[in-house]
């Protein structure tokens, strides 16, 4: 009985791999015949939700938003920052980091204190190769960020 169940599950898994793999091969073959552009962009319109690390095992700051390129080639990152169920001295904090091809970075931040509602933010830069977002808490007592989540890429320019 156990052997027949394993055989059925193996057959189902193999069928799923073939069903997923065949369209991917066809898509990559058609992409190979398409003309290559000088620069292609690899990003989604929406990003997040991204979170800080847990505070007191019960709360995390959260951010989510959008990324886009305007007609001048500037990259825009906007979103909403939420702070839930934390003491008054601990605020939600989001950082947006833009990096150019030389490795120069520009970092912007927004802060939201209190659990009611959210804070909107919007930052933009020109000549950007990548943009990243990280969510933390800001400690008003110690005047520093803490409980930071990881950096998440929301935009990357691919040079060909």
C-alpha atoms as a PDB file:
ATOM      1  CA  UNK A   1       0.000   0.000   0.000  1.00  0.00           C
ATOM      2  CA  UNK A   2       2.735   2.487   0.925  1.00  0.00           C
ATOM      3  CA  UNK A   3       4.643   1.677  -2.257  1.00  0.00           C
ATOM      4  CA  UNK A   4       1.648   2.387  -4.504  1.00  0.00           C
ATOM      5  CA  UNK A   5       1.023   5.716  -2.767  1.00  0.00           C
ATOM      6  CA  UNK A   6       4.674   6.674  -3.308  1.00  0.00           C
ATOM      7  CA  UNK A   7       4.420   5.685  -6.986  1.00  0.00           C
ATOM      8  CA  UNK A   8       1.283   7.785  -7.456  1.00  0.00           C
ATOM      9  CA  UNK A   9       2.859  10.796  -5.704  1.00  0.00           C
ATOM     10  CA  UNK A  10       6.024  10.399  -7.792  1.00  0.00           C
ATOM     11  CA  UNK A  11       3.995  10.246 -11.000  1.00  0.00           C
ATOM     12  CA  UNK A  12       2.017  13.341  -9.976  1.00  0.00           C
ATOM     13  CA  UNK A  13       5.213  15.241  -9.172  1.00  0.00           C
ATOM     14  CA  UNK A  14       6.807  14.272 -12.498  1.00  0.00           C
ATOM     15  CA  UNK A  15       3.665  15.343 -14.377  1.00  0.00           C
ATOM     16  CA  UNK A  16       3.690  18.706 -12.595  1.00  0.00           C
ATOM     17  CA  UNK A  17       7.355  19.260 -13.465  1.00  0.00           C
ATOM     18  CA  UNK A  18       6.700  18.501 -17.129  1.00  0.00           C
ATOM     19  CA  UNK A  19       3.580  20.710 -17.193  1.00  0.00           C
ATOM     20  CA  UNK A  20       5.500  23.632 -15.720  1.00  0.00           C
ATOM     21  CA  UNK A  21       8.742  23.038 -17.628  1.00  0.00           C
ATOM     22  CA  UNK A  22       7.382  22.804 -21.187  1.00  0.00           C
ATOM     23  CA  UNK A  23       5.872  26.338 -21.283  1.00  0.00           C
ATOM     24  CA  UNK A  24       9.055  27.734 -19.684  1.00  0.00           C
ATOM     25  CA  UNK A  25      11.234  26.154 -22.390  1.00  0.00           C
ATOM     26  CA  UNK A  26       8.933  27.499 -25.102  1.00  0.00           C
ATOM     27  CA  UNK A  27       8.995  30.977 -23.552  1.00  0.00           C
ATOM     28  CA  UNK A  28      12.779  31.004 -23.300  1.00  0.00           C
ATOM     29  CA  UNK A  29      13.088  29.874 -26.924  1.00  0.00           C
ATOM     30  CA  UNK A  30      10.837  32.700 -28.118  1.00  0.00           C
ATOM     31  CA  UNK A  31      12.703  35.188 -25.899  1.00  0.00           C
ATOM     32  CA  UNK A  32      15.969  34.138 -27.499  1.00  0.00           C
ATOM     33  CA  UNK A  33      14.663  35.209 -30.911  1.00  0.00           C
ATOM     34  CA  UNK A  34      13.467  38.606 -29.655  1.00  0.00           C
ATOM     35  CA  UNK A  35      15.832  41.559 -30.202  1.00  0.00           C
ATOM     36  CA  UNK A  36      17.803  42.554 -27.106  1.00  0.00           C
ATOM     37  CA  UNK A  37      17.481  46.082 -25.776  1.00  0.00           C
ATOM     38  CA  UNK A  38      20.378  48.020 -24.292  1.00  0.00           C
ATOM     39  CA  UNK A  39      18.819  48.105 -20.820  1.00  0.00           C
ATOM     40  CA  UNK A  40      15.997  46.033 -19.389  1.00  0.00           C
ATOM     41  CA  UNK A  41      14.420  46.583 -16.020  1.00  0.00           C
ATOM     42  CA  UNK A  42      13.696  43.823 -13.537  1.00  0.00           C
ATOM     43  CA  UNK A  43      11.110  44.968 -11.012  1.00  0.00           C
ATOM     44  CA  UNK A  44       7.454  44.690 -10.105  1.00  0.00           C
ATOM     45  CA  UNK A  45       5.128  47.630  -9.727  1.00  0.00           C
ATOM     46  CA  UNK A  46       4.319  46.647  -6.129  1.00  0.00           C
ATOM     47  CA  UNK A  47       6.621  45.521  -3.337  1.00  0.00           C
ATOM     48  CA  UNK A  48       6.125  44.187   0.188  1.00  0.00           C
ATOM     49  CA  UNK A  49       4.820  43.727   2.675  1.00  0.00           C
ATOM     50  CA  UNK A  50       8.225  43.823   4.371  1.00  0.00           C
ATOM     51  CA  UNK A  51       8.630  43.674   8.150  1.00  0.00           C
ATOM     52  CA  UNK A  52      10.969  44.626  10.964  1.00  0.00           C
ATOM     53  CA  UNK A  53      12.098  41.977  13.402  1.00  0.00           C
ATOM     54  CA  UNK A  54       9.676  41.152  16.217  1.00  0.00           C
ATOM     55  CA  UNK A  55       9.469  43.458  19.214  1.00  0.00           C
ATOM     56  CA  UNK A  56       8.384  41.805  22.471  1.00  0.00           C
ATOM     57  CA  UNK A  57       7.222  38.714  20.505  1.00  0.00           C
ATOM     58  CA  UNK A  58       4.006  40.525  19.609  1.00  0.00           C
ATOM     59  CA  UNK A  59       4.563  43.321  17.113  1.00  0.00           C
ATOM     60  CA  UNK A  60       6.430  44.196  13.918  1.00  0.00           C
ATOM     61  CA  UNK A  61       6.565  47.369  11.853  1.00  0.00           C
ATOM     62  CA  UNK A  62       5.425  46.888   8.243  1.00  0.00           C
ATOM     63  CA  UNK A  63       5.904  48.682   4.926  1.00  0.00           C
ATOM     64  CA  UNK A  64       4.528  48.073   1.447  1.00  0.00           C
ATOM     65  CA  UNK A  65       4.407  50.145  -1.692  1.00  0.00           C
ATOM     66  CA  UNK A  66       5.204  50.723  -5.343  1.00  0.00           C
ATOM     67  CA  UNK A  67       8.258  51.350  -7.515  1.00  0.00           C
ATOM     68  CA  UNK A  68       8.307  52.915 -10.969  1.00  0.00           C
ATOM     69  CA  UNK A  69      10.453  54.729 -13.493  1.00  0.00           C
ATOM     70  CA  UNK A  70       9.309  58.118 -14.790  1.00  0.00           C
ATOM     71  CA  UNK A  71       9.803  59.519 -18.308  1.00  0.00           C
ATOM     72  CA  UNK A  72      13.140  61.111 -17.268  1.00  0.00           C
ATOM     73  CA  UNK A  73      14.520  57.770 -16.059  1.00  0.00           C
ATOM     74  CA  UNK A  74      14.249  58.607 -12.346  1.00  0.00           C
ATOM     75  CA  UNK A  75      13.334  55.695 -10.071  1.00  0.00           C
ATOM     76  CA  UNK A  76      10.560  56.347  -7.535  1.00  0.00           C
ATOM     77  CA  UNK A  77       9.884  54.284  -4.412  1.00  0.00           C
ATOM     78  CA  UNK A  78       6.742  55.091  -2.451  1.00  0.00           C
ATOM     79  CA  UNK A  79       4.689  53.320   0.149  1.00  0.00           C
ATOM     80  CA  UNK A  80       2.969  53.168   3.491  1.00  0.00           C
ATOM     81  CA  UNK A  81       4.615  52.520   6.844  1.00  0.00           C
ATOM     82  CA  UNK A  82       2.658  50.961   9.707  1.00  0.00           C
ATOM     83  CA  UNK A  83       3.508  50.781  13.418  1.00  0.00           C
ATOM     84  CA  UNK A  84       1.295  48.483  15.468  1.00  0.00           C
ATOM     85  CA  UNK A  85       0.998  47.857  19.184  1.00  0.00           C
ATOM     86  CA  UNK A  86       4.260  49.326  20.423  1.00  0.00           C
ATOM     87  CA  UNK A  87       5.001  51.721  23.287  1.00  0.00           C
ATOM     88  CA  UNK A  88       5.103  55.447  22.487  1.00  0.00           C
ATOM     89  CA  UNK A  89       8.922  55.523  22.389  1.00  0.00           C
ATOM     90  CA  UNK A  90       9.200  52.830  19.683  1.00  0.00           C
ATOM     91  CA  UNK A  91       8.271  53.936  16.143  1.00  0.00           C
ATOM     92  CA  UNK A  92       8.009  52.179  12.801  1.00  0.00           C
ATOM     93  CA  UNK A  93      10.937  53.153  10.563  1.00  0.00           C
ATOM     94  CA  UNK A  94      11.577  52.473   6.876  1.00  0.00           C
ATOM     95  CA  UNK A  95      14.807  53.032   4.933  1.00  0.00           C
ATOM     96  CA  UNK A  96      15.045  53.298   1.144  1.00  0.00           C
ATOM     97  CA  UNK A  97      18.526  52.947  -0.341  1.00  0.00           C
ATOM     98  CA  UNK A  98      19.370  53.851  -3.944  1.00  0.00           C
ATOM     99  CA  UNK A  99      22.685  52.739  -5.468  1.00  0.00           C
ATOM    100  CA  UNK A 100      24.293  53.761  -8.762  1.00  0.00           C
ATOM    101  CA  UNK A 101      26.703  51.799 -10.968  1.00  0.00           C
ATOM    102  CA  UNK A 102      29.721  53.270  -9.124  1.00  0.00           C
ATOM    103  CA  UNK A 103      28.444  51.887  -5.810  1.00  0.00           C
ATOM    104  CA  UNK A 104      27.489  55.321  -4.436  1.00  0.00           C
ATOM    105  CA  UNK A 105      24.491  55.089  -2.109  1.00  0.00           C
ATOM    106  CA  UNK A 106      21.768  57.514  -1.062  1.00  0.00           C
ATOM    107  CA  UNK A 107      19.576  56.458   1.865  1.00  0.00           C
ATOM    108  CA  UNK A 108      16.280  58.071   2.872  1.00  0.00           C
ATOM    109  CA  UNK A 109      13.994  57.255   5.773  1.00  0.00           C
ATOM    110  CA  UNK A 110      10.497  57.811   7.156  1.00  0.00           C
ATOM    111  CA  UNK A 111       9.182  57.268  10.678  1.00  0.00           C
ATOM    112  CA  UNK A 112       5.675  56.477  12.021  1.00  0.00           C
ATOM    113  CA  UNK A 113       4.903  56.622  15.726  1.00  0.00           C
ATOM    114  CA  UNK A 114       1.641  55.278  17.099  1.00  0.00           C
ATOM    115  CA  UNK A 115      -0.588  52.454  16.010  1.00  0.00           C
ATOM    116  CA  UNK A 116      -3.351  54.487  14.343  1.00  0.00           C
ATOM    117  CA  UNK A 117      -3.158  54.606  10.557  1.00  0.00           C
ATOM    118  CA  UNK A 118      -0.014  54.787   8.480  1.00  0.00           C
ATOM    119  CA  UNK A 119       2.573  57.234   7.172  1.00  0.00           C
ATOM    120  CA  UNK A 120       3.023  57.689   3.431  1.00  0.00           C
ATOM    121  CA  UNK A 121       6.511  58.137   1.986  1.00  0.00           C
ATOM    122  CA  UNK A 122       7.956  58.832  -1.470  1.00  0.00           C
ATOM    123  CA  UNK A 123      11.604  59.072  -2.507  1.00  0.00           C
ATOM    124  CA  UNK A 124      13.252  59.246  -5.945  1.00  0.00           C
ATOM    125  CA  UNK A 125      16.735  59.362  -7.472  1.00  0.00           C
ATOM    126  CA  UNK A 126      18.237  59.547 -10.945  1.00  0.00           C
ATOM    127  CA  UNK A 127      20.964  57.300 -12.364  1.00  0.00           C
ATOM    128  CA  UNK A 128      19.924  54.357 -10.191  1.00  0.00           C
ATOM    129  CA  UNK A 129      21.077  50.768 -10.676  1.00  0.00           C
ATOM    130  CA  UNK A 130      19.222  49.361  -7.663  1.00  0.00           C
ATOM    131  CA  UNK A 131      16.804  50.324  -4.910  1.00  0.00           C
ATOM    132  CA  UNK A 132      16.328  48.479  -1.624  1.00  0.00           C
ATOM    133  CA  UNK A 133      13.897  48.777   1.277  1.00  0.00           C
ATOM    134  CA  UNK A 134      14.372  47.788   4.928  1.00  0.00           C
ATOM    135  CA  UNK A 135      11.933  48.093   7.844  1.00  0.00           C
ATOM    136  CA  UNK A 136      13.079  48.706  11.425  1.00  0.00           C
ATOM    137  CA  UNK A 137      11.934  50.281  14.660  1.00  0.00           C
ATOM    138  CA  UNK A 138      13.226  53.657  15.798  1.00  0.00           C
ATOM    139  CA  UNK A 139      13.896  53.916  19.541  1.00  0.00           C
ATOM    140  CA  UNK A 140      13.068  57.486  20.623  1.00  0.00           C
ATOM    141  CA  UNK A 141      14.801  56.980  24.021  1.00  0.00           C
ATOM    142  CA  UNK A 142      18.117  55.915  22.512  1.00  0.00           C
ATOM    143  CA  UNK A 143      17.753  57.879  19.249  1.00  0.00           C
ATOM    144  CA  UNK A 144      18.699  54.891  17.067  1.00  0.00           C
ATOM    145  CA  UNK A 145      17.198  52.253  14.797  1.00  0.00           C
ATOM    146  CA  UNK A 146      16.818  48.690  16.006  1.00  0.00           C
ATOM    147  CA  UNK A 147      15.006  45.406  15.274  1.00  0.00           C
ATOM    148  CA  UNK A 148      15.759  45.839  11.565  1.00  0.00           C
ATOM    149  CA  UNK A 149      14.543  43.367   8.986  1.00  0.00           C
ATOM    150  CA  UNK A 150      16.664  42.498   5.973  1.00  0.00           C
ATOM    151  CA  UNK A 151      17.278  44.708   2.937  1.00  0.00           C
ATOM    152  CA  UNK A 152      14.907  43.795   0.085  1.00  0.00           C
ATOM    153  CA  UNK A 153      15.570  44.710  -3.539  1.00  0.00           C
ATOM    154  CA  UNK A 154      12.577  46.464  -5.107  1.00  0.00           C
ATOM    155  CA  UNK A 155      14.405  47.553  -8.290  1.00  0.00           C
ATOM    156  CA  UNK A 156      17.447  46.361 -10.245  1.00  0.00           C
ATOM    157  CA  UNK A 157      18.584  47.576 -13.675  1.00  0.00           C
ATOM    158  CA  UNK A 158      20.075  44.808 -15.802  1.00  0.00           C
ATOM    159  CA  UNK A 159      22.763  45.978 -18.232  1.00  0.00           C
ATOM    160  CA  UNK A 160      23.161  43.813 -21.322  1.00  0.00           C
END
